[in-house]
Amino acid sequence: LLSATGTNHLLLNKNPLVGLNPDLRDRLNRKVIRESVKLLYQDFERLLGLKDLVIMPVCSDTGCVGTLVLFLHNPKKITFSFTSLIDSIGYELGQYITKHELNQQLSYSESKYQALFDSSSDAILLSDGLQIADCNRTTQFLTGINRNKLVTQTIPEVLGNNDQQEKEKINNYLQQVIKNGGELKFEWKRKH
């Protein structure tokens, strides 16, 4: 509970945090929002002893994460459009929280992928067609070329050892893979 005016500010001074009934918390979700609002209203009425409240659970895709509570001085001002506004605010907050949770999960997954990619003892090149898009540390070590330079080159340029025939041979192999799919294995010797 954040703030209130009138006599409700005393209530907030006494109860800055209100713990919900754990059984109730587990039953709150976006799919049964009307039922959740009723349950919350009953719990807040029991906890705070107030009836002039507008309550909206804030639910992400993983569950209820909070509750909007408005103390009203004039309960006659509760209209359908007012409750619709509160509903939409609660929904948008829930959507924002869901996006935030997904971004955190994605960031964690990207970190794990990057760690696996970088720590592999095999050279790994990611490409868009023949253009190198990314590479791991082992690729940089084996080619003797840093990442910034590698991503400006094509695979045949890097693997062709400054030999035009070798570049054309690699280019033909790779064009077959791009056209037909599958994988291609060949031995490559780096000439320094």
C-alpha atoms as a PDB file:
ATOM      1  CA  LEU A   1       0.000   0.000   0.000  1.00  0.00           C
ATOM      2  CA  LEU A   2       1.602   3.220  -1.078  1.00  0.00           C
ATOM      3  CA  SER A   3      -0.338   6.294  -0.040  1.00  0.00           C
ATOM      4  CA  ALA A   4      -3.717   7.629   0.950  1.00  0.00           C
ATOM      5  CA  THR A   5      -5.342  10.826   2.076  1.00  0.00           C
ATOM      6  CA  GLY A   6      -7.864  11.550   4.775  1.00  0.00           C
ATOM      7  CA  THR A   7      -8.239   8.991   7.529  1.00  0.00           C
ATOM      8  CA  ASN A   8      -6.805   6.172   5.383  1.00  0.00           C
ATOM      9  CA  HIS A   9      -3.258   7.486   5.773  1.00  0.00           C
ATOM     10  CA  LEU A  10      -3.364   6.306   9.409  1.00  0.00           C
ATOM     11  CA  LEU A  11      -4.291   2.865   8.177  1.00  0.00           C
ATOM     12  CA  LEU A  12      -1.281   2.881   5.882  1.00  0.00           C
ATOM     13  CA  ASN A  13       1.039   3.984   8.665  1.00  0.00           C
ATOM     14  CA  LYS A  14      -0.079   0.946  10.660  1.00  0.00           C
ATOM     15  CA  ASN A  15      -0.123  -1.470   7.684  1.00  0.00           C
ATOM     16  CA  PRO A  16       2.358  -0.442   4.971  1.00  0.00           C
ATOM     17  CA  LEU A  17       2.411  -4.071   3.820  1.00  0.00           C
ATOM     18  CA  VAL A  18      -0.598  -6.336   3.901  1.00  0.00           C
ATOM     19  CA  GLY A  19       0.030 -10.065   3.658  1.00  0.00           C
ATOM     20  CA  LEU A  20      -2.661 -11.932   1.797  1.00  0.00           C
ATOM     21  CA  ASN A  21      -4.004 -15.271   2.867  1.00  0.00           C
ATOM     22  CA  PRO A  22      -1.585 -17.808   1.242  1.00  0.00           C
ATOM     23  CA  ASP A  23      -4.493 -19.991   0.067  1.00  0.00           C
ATOM     24  CA  LEU A  24      -6.003 -16.952  -1.636  1.00  0.00           C
ATOM     25  CA  ARG A  25      -2.720 -15.980  -3.284  1.00  0.00           C
ATOM     26  CA  ASP A  26      -2.499 -19.408  -4.935  1.00  0.00           C
ATOM     27  CA  ARG A  27      -6.053 -19.082  -6.332  1.00  0.00           C
ATOM     28  CA  LEU A  28      -5.535 -15.689  -8.004  1.00  0.00           C
ATOM     29  CA  ASN A  29      -4.957 -15.692 -11.731  1.00  0.00           C
ATOM     30  CA  ARG A  30      -5.793 -13.798 -14.886  1.00  0.00           C
ATOM     31  CA  LYS A  31      -8.156 -16.465 -16.243  1.00  0.00           C
ATOM     32  CA  VAL A  32     -10.691 -16.003 -13.459  1.00  0.00           C
ATOM     33  CA  ILE A  33     -10.137 -12.303 -12.816  1.00  0.00           C
ATOM     34  CA  ARG A  34     -13.696 -11.589 -11.580  1.00  0.00           C
ATOM     35  CA  GLU A  35     -13.484 -14.405  -9.044  1.00  0.00           C
ATOM     36  CA  SER A  36     -10.012 -13.167  -8.037  1.00  0.00           C
ATOM     37  CA  VAL A  37     -11.353  -9.634  -7.467  1.00  0.00           C
ATOM     38  CA  LYS A  38     -14.131 -10.960  -5.230  1.00  0.00           C
ATOM     39  CA  LEU A  39     -11.699 -13.050  -3.194  1.00  0.00           C
ATOM     40  CA  LEU A  40      -9.288 -10.129  -2.846  1.00  0.00           C
ATOM     41  CA  TYR A  41     -12.063  -7.751  -1.837  1.00  0.00           C
ATOM     42  CA  GLN A  42     -13.185 -10.129   0.915  1.00  0.00           C
ATOM     43  CA  ASP A  43      -9.609 -10.583   2.169  1.00  0.00           C
ATOM     44  CA  PHE A  44      -8.863  -6.829   2.191  1.00  0.00           C
ATOM     45  CA  GLU A  45     -12.182  -6.096   3.890  1.00  0.00           C
ATOM     46  CA  ARG A  46     -11.269  -8.634   6.578  1.00  0.00           C
ATOM     47  CA  LEU A  47      -7.684  -7.308   6.926  1.00  0.00           C
ATOM     48  CA  LEU A  48      -8.417  -3.573   6.822  1.00  0.00           C
ATOM     49  CA  GLY A  49     -12.024  -3.311   7.902  1.00  0.00           C
ATOM     50  CA  LEU A  50     -12.908  -1.080   4.919  1.00  0.00           C
ATOM     51  CA  LYS A  51     -15.625  -1.515   2.309  1.00  0.00           C
ATOM     52  CA  ASP A  52     -15.033   1.499   0.048  1.00  0.00           C
ATOM     53  CA  LEU A  53     -12.254  -0.038  -2.016  1.00  0.00           C
ATOM     54  CA  VAL A  54     -11.600  -0.756  -5.649  1.00  0.00           C
ATOM     55  CA  ILE A  55      -9.313  -3.746  -6.011  1.00  0.00           C
ATOM     56  CA  MET A  56      -7.567  -5.127  -9.074  1.00  0.00           C
ATOM     57  CA  PRO A  57      -5.093  -8.012  -9.044  1.00  0.00           C
ATOM     58  CA  VAL A  58      -1.996  -7.537 -11.187  1.00  0.00           C
ATOM     59  CA  CYS A  59      -1.318 -10.889 -12.817  1.00  0.00           C
ATOM     60  CA  SER A  60       1.498 -11.900 -15.112  1.00  0.00           C
ATOM     61  CA  ASP A  61       1.424 -15.121 -17.104  1.00  0.00           C
ATOM     62  CA  THR A  62       3.057 -16.895 -14.158  1.00  0.00           C
ATOM     63  CA  GLY A  63       0.591 -15.756 -11.505  1.00  0.00           C
ATOM     64  CA  CYS A  64      -0.585 -12.886  -9.360  1.00  0.00           C
ATOM     65  CA  VAL A  65       2.268 -10.517  -8.484  1.00  0.00           C
ATOM     66  CA  GLY A  66       0.471  -7.675  -6.770  1.00  0.00           C
ATOM     67  CA  THR A  67      -2.777  -5.822  -6.210  1.00  0.00           C
ATOM     68  CA  LEU A  68      -3.949  -2.307  -6.990  1.00  0.00           C
ATOM     69  CA  VAL A  69      -6.054  -0.955  -4.128  1.00  0.00           C
ATOM     70  CA  LEU A  70      -7.844   2.382  -4.324  1.00  0.00           C
ATOM     71  CA  PHE A  71      -9.478   3.875  -1.244  1.00  0.00           C
ATOM     72  CA  LEU A  72     -12.565   5.850  -2.187  1.00  0.00           C
ATOM     73  CA  HIS A  73     -14.051   8.779  -0.319  1.00  0.00           C
ATOM     74  CA  ASN A  74     -17.228   8.601  -2.347  1.00  0.00           C
ATOM     75  CA  PRO A  75     -18.217   5.048  -3.344  1.00  0.00           C
ATOM     76  CA  LYS A  76     -20.947   6.490  -5.608  1.00  0.00           C
ATOM     77  CA  LYS A  77     -18.195   7.491  -8.039  1.00  0.00           C
ATOM     78  CA  ILE A  78     -17.506   3.851  -8.855  1.00  0.00           C
ATOM     79  CA  THR A  79     -18.791   3.606 -12.402  1.00  0.00           C
ATOM     80  CA  PHE A  80     -18.398   0.966 -15.054  1.00  0.00           C
ATOM     81  CA  SER A  81     -15.913   3.137 -16.957  1.00  0.00           C
ATOM     82  CA  PHE A  82     -13.901   3.708 -13.765  1.00  0.00           C
ATOM     83  CA  THR A  83     -13.646  -0.025 -13.013  1.00  0.00           C
ATOM     84  CA  SER A  84     -12.821  -0.687 -16.687  1.00  0.00           C
ATOM     85  CA  LEU A  85      -9.955   1.802 -16.402  1.00  0.00           C
ATOM     86  CA  ILE A  86      -8.658   0.064 -13.280  1.00  0.00           C
ATOM     87  CA  ASP A  87      -9.038  -3.325 -15.019  1.00  0.00           C
ATOM     88  CA  SER A  88      -7.001  -2.126 -17.999  1.00  0.00           C
ATOM     89  CA  ILE A  89      -4.287  -0.633 -15.763  1.00  0.00           C
ATOM     90  CA  GLY A  90      -4.008  -3.941 -13.881  1.00  0.00           C
ATOM     91  CA  TYR A  91      -3.905  -5.870 -17.158  1.00  0.00           C
ATOM     92  CA  GLU A  92      -1.227  -3.601 -18.698  1.00  0.00           C
ATOM     93  CA  LEU A  93       0.921  -3.838 -15.562  1.00  0.00           C
ATOM     94  CA  GLY A  94       0.616  -7.611 -15.743  1.00  0.00           C
ATOM     95  CA  GLN A  95       1.629  -7.561 -19.421  1.00  0.00           C
ATOM     96  CA  TYR A  96       4.627  -5.370 -18.612  1.00  0.00           C
ATOM     97  CA  ILE A  97       5.701  -7.729 -15.826  1.00  0.00           C
ATOM     98  CA  THR A  98       5.282 -10.743 -18.137  1.00  0.00           C
ATOM     99  CA  LYS A  99       7.477  -9.074 -20.782  1.00  0.00           C
ATOM    100  CA  HIS A 100      10.049  -8.213 -18.128  1.00  0.00           C
ATOM    101  CA  GLU A 101      10.105 -11.830 -16.873  1.00  0.00           C
ATOM    102  CA  LEU A 102      10.491 -13.125 -20.442  1.00  0.00           C
ATOM    103  CA  ASN A 103      13.324 -10.670 -21.129  1.00  0.00           C
ATOM    104  CA  GLN A 104      15.120 -11.877 -17.997  1.00  0.00           C
ATOM    105  CA  GLN A 105      14.715 -15.508 -19.098  1.00  0.00           C
ATOM    106  CA  LEU A 106      15.932 -14.647 -22.600  1.00  0.00           C
ATOM    107  CA  SER A 107      18.918 -12.780 -21.232  1.00  0.00           C
ATOM    108  CA  TYR A 108      19.788 -15.774 -19.041  1.00  0.00           C
ATOM    109  CA  SER A 109      19.443 -18.148 -22.021  1.00  0.00           C
ATOM    110  CA  GLU A 110      21.588 -15.887 -24.193  1.00  0.00           C
ATOM    111  CA  SER A 111      24.272 -15.802 -21.498  1.00  0.00           C
ATOM    112  CA  LYS A 112      24.283 -19.598 -21.254  1.00  0.00           C
ATOM    113  CA  TYR A 113      24.430 -19.950 -25.047  1.00  0.00           C
ATOM    114  CA  GLN A 114      27.237 -17.404 -25.323  1.00  0.00           C
ATOM    115  CA  ALA A 115      29.243 -19.187 -22.610  1.00  0.00           C
ATOM    116  CA  LEU A 116      28.853 -22.551 -24.388  1.00  0.00           C
ATOM    117  CA  PHE A 117      29.646 -20.976 -27.751  1.00  0.00           C
ATOM    118  CA  ASP A 118      32.770 -19.220 -26.487  1.00  0.00           C
ATOM    119  CA  SER A 119      34.093 -22.129 -24.414  1.00  0.00           C
ATOM    120  CA  SER A 120      33.799 -24.777 -27.129  1.00  0.00           C
ATOM    121  CA  SER A 121      37.080 -26.355 -28.149  1.00  0.00           C
ATOM    122  CA  ASP A 122      35.660 -26.697 -31.672  1.00  0.00           C
ATOM    123  CA  ALA A 123      35.826 -23.756 -34.042  1.00  0.00           C
ATOM    124  CA  ILE A 124      32.300 -22.459 -34.661  1.00  0.00           C
ATOM    125  CA  LEU A 125      31.367 -20.010 -37.401  1.00  0.00           C
ATOM    126  CA  LEU A 126      27.859 -18.598 -37.708  1.00  0.00           C
ATOM    127  CA  SER A 127      27.062 -17.292 -41.150  1.00  0.00           C
ATOM    128  CA  ASP A 128      24.373 -15.643 -43.208  1.00  0.00           C
ATOM    129  CA  GLY A 129      24.910 -17.446 -46.470  1.00  0.00           C
ATOM    130  CA  LEU A 130      28.657 -17.231 -46.933  1.00  0.00           C
ATOM    131  CA  GLN A 131      29.096 -14.039 -44.901  1.00  0.00           C
ATOM    132  CA  ILE A 132      30.500 -14.676 -41.408  1.00  0.00           C
ATOM    133  CA  ALA A 133      28.139 -13.300 -38.773  1.00  0.00           C
ATOM    134  CA  ASP A 134      29.888 -14.503 -35.605  1.00  0.00           C
ATOM    135  CA  CYS A 135      32.589 -16.869 -34.398  1.00  0.00           C
ATOM    136  CA  ASN A 136      33.889 -18.277 -31.166  1.00  0.00           C
ATOM    137  CA  ARG A 137      37.307 -17.885 -29.562  1.00  0.00           C
ATOM    138  CA  THR A 138      38.588 -21.170 -30.954  1.00  0.00           C
ATOM    139  CA  THR A 139      37.877 -19.946 -34.493  1.00  0.00           C
ATOM    140  CA  GLN A 140      39.857 -16.803 -33.800  1.00  0.00           C
ATOM    141  CA  PHE A 141      42.738 -18.860 -32.402  1.00  0.00           C
ATOM    142  CA  LEU A 142      42.807 -21.331 -35.308  1.00  0.00           C
ATOM    143  CA  THR A 143      42.562 -18.692 -38.028  1.00  0.00           C
ATOM    144  CA  GLY A 144      44.800 -16.161 -36.326  1.00  0.00           C
ATOM    145  CA  ILE A 145      42.203 -13.487 -37.151  1.00  0.00           C
ATOM    146  CA  ASN A 146      40.274 -11.474 -34.545  1.00  0.00           C
ATOM    147  CA  ARG A 147      36.480 -11.502 -34.478  1.00  0.00           C
ATOM    148  CA  ASN A 148      36.084  -7.926 -35.734  1.00  0.00           C
ATOM    149  CA  LYS A 149      37.987  -8.765 -38.915  1.00  0.00           C
ATOM    150  CA  LEU A 150      36.370 -12.208 -39.347  1.00  0.00           C
ATOM    151  CA  VAL A 151      32.841 -10.780 -39.438  1.00  0.00           C
ATOM    152  CA  THR A 152      33.793  -8.598 -42.407  1.00  0.00           C
ATOM    153  CA  GLN A 153      34.804 -11.630 -44.483  1.00  0.00           C
ATOM    154  CA  THR A 154      33.181 -14.614 -46.170  1.00  0.00           C
ATOM    155  CA  ILE A 155      33.937 -18.202 -45.241  1.00  0.00           C
ATOM    156  CA  PRO A 156      35.844 -18.901 -48.498  1.00  0.00           C
ATOM    157  CA  GLU A 157      37.973 -15.791 -47.920  1.00  0.00           C
ATOM    158  CA  VAL A 158      38.987 -17.015 -44.473  1.00  0.00           C
ATOM    159  CA  LEU A 159      39.436 -20.689 -45.297  1.00  0.00           C
ATOM    160  CA  GLY A 160      40.890 -20.187 -48.807  1.00  0.00           C
ATOM    161  CA  ASN A 161      44.449 -19.516 -47.638  1.00  0.00           C
ATOM    162  CA  ASN A 162      44.883 -16.693 -50.183  1.00  0.00           C
ATOM    163  CA  ASP A 163      44.565 -19.322 -52.933  1.00  0.00           C
ATOM    164  CA  GLN A 164      41.889 -18.507 -55.517  1.00  0.00           C
ATOM    165  CA  GLN A 165      41.348 -22.186 -56.490  1.00  0.00           C
ATOM    166  CA  GLU A 166      40.960 -23.135 -52.842  1.00  0.00           C
ATOM    167  CA  LYS A 167      38.435 -20.304 -52.306  1.00  0.00           C
ATOM    168  CA  GLU A 168      36.400 -21.455 -55.336  1.00  0.00           C
ATOM    169  CA  LYS A 169      36.466 -25.073 -54.133  1.00  0.00           C
ATOM    170  CA  ILE A 170      35.239 -24.059 -50.655  1.00  0.00           C
ATOM    171  CA  ASN A 171      32.659 -21.740 -52.209  1.00  0.00           C
ATOM    172  CA  ASN A 172      31.287 -24.619 -54.351  1.00  0.00           C
ATOM    173  CA  TYR A 173      31.107 -26.955 -51.342  1.00  0.00           C
ATOM    174  CA  LEU A 174      29.286 -24.348 -49.275  1.00  0.00           C
ATOM    175  CA  GLN A 175      26.892 -23.419 -52.094  1.00  0.00           C
ATOM    176  CA  GLN A 176      25.896 -27.120 -52.275  1.00  0.00           C
ATOM    177  CA  VAL A 177      25.155 -27.181 -48.565  1.00  0.00           C
ATOM    178  CA  ILE A 178      23.158 -23.946 -48.773  1.00  0.00           C
ATOM    179  CA  LYS A 179      21.192 -25.276 -51.763  1.00  0.00           C
ATOM    180  CA  ASN A 180      20.610 -28.863 -50.590  1.00  0.00           C
ATOM    181  CA  GLY A 181      20.796 -28.511 -46.811  1.00  0.00           C
ATOM    182  CA  GLY A 182      22.529 -31.010 -44.616  1.00  0.00           C
ATOM    183  CA  GLU A 183      26.082 -30.848 -43.435  1.00  0.00           C
ATOM    184  CA  LEU A 184      29.449 -30.752 -45.058  1.00  0.00           C
ATOM    185  CA  LYS A 185      32.691 -32.103 -43.683  1.00  0.00           C
ATOM    186  CA  PHE A 186      36.050 -31.432 -45.204  1.00  0.00           C
ATOM    187  CA  GLU A 187      39.620 -31.217 -44.047  1.00  0.00           C
ATOM    188  CA  TRP A 188      41.140 -27.788 -43.947  1.00  0.00           C
ATOM    189  CA  LYS A 189      44.752 -26.839 -43.376  1.00  0.00           C
ATOM    190  CA  ARG A 190      45.605 -23.294 -42.506  1.00  0.00           C
ATOM    191  CA  LYS A 191      48.684 -21.940 -44.218  1.00  0.00           C
ATOM    192  CA  HIS A 192      50.266 -19.119 -42.225  1.00  0.00           C
END
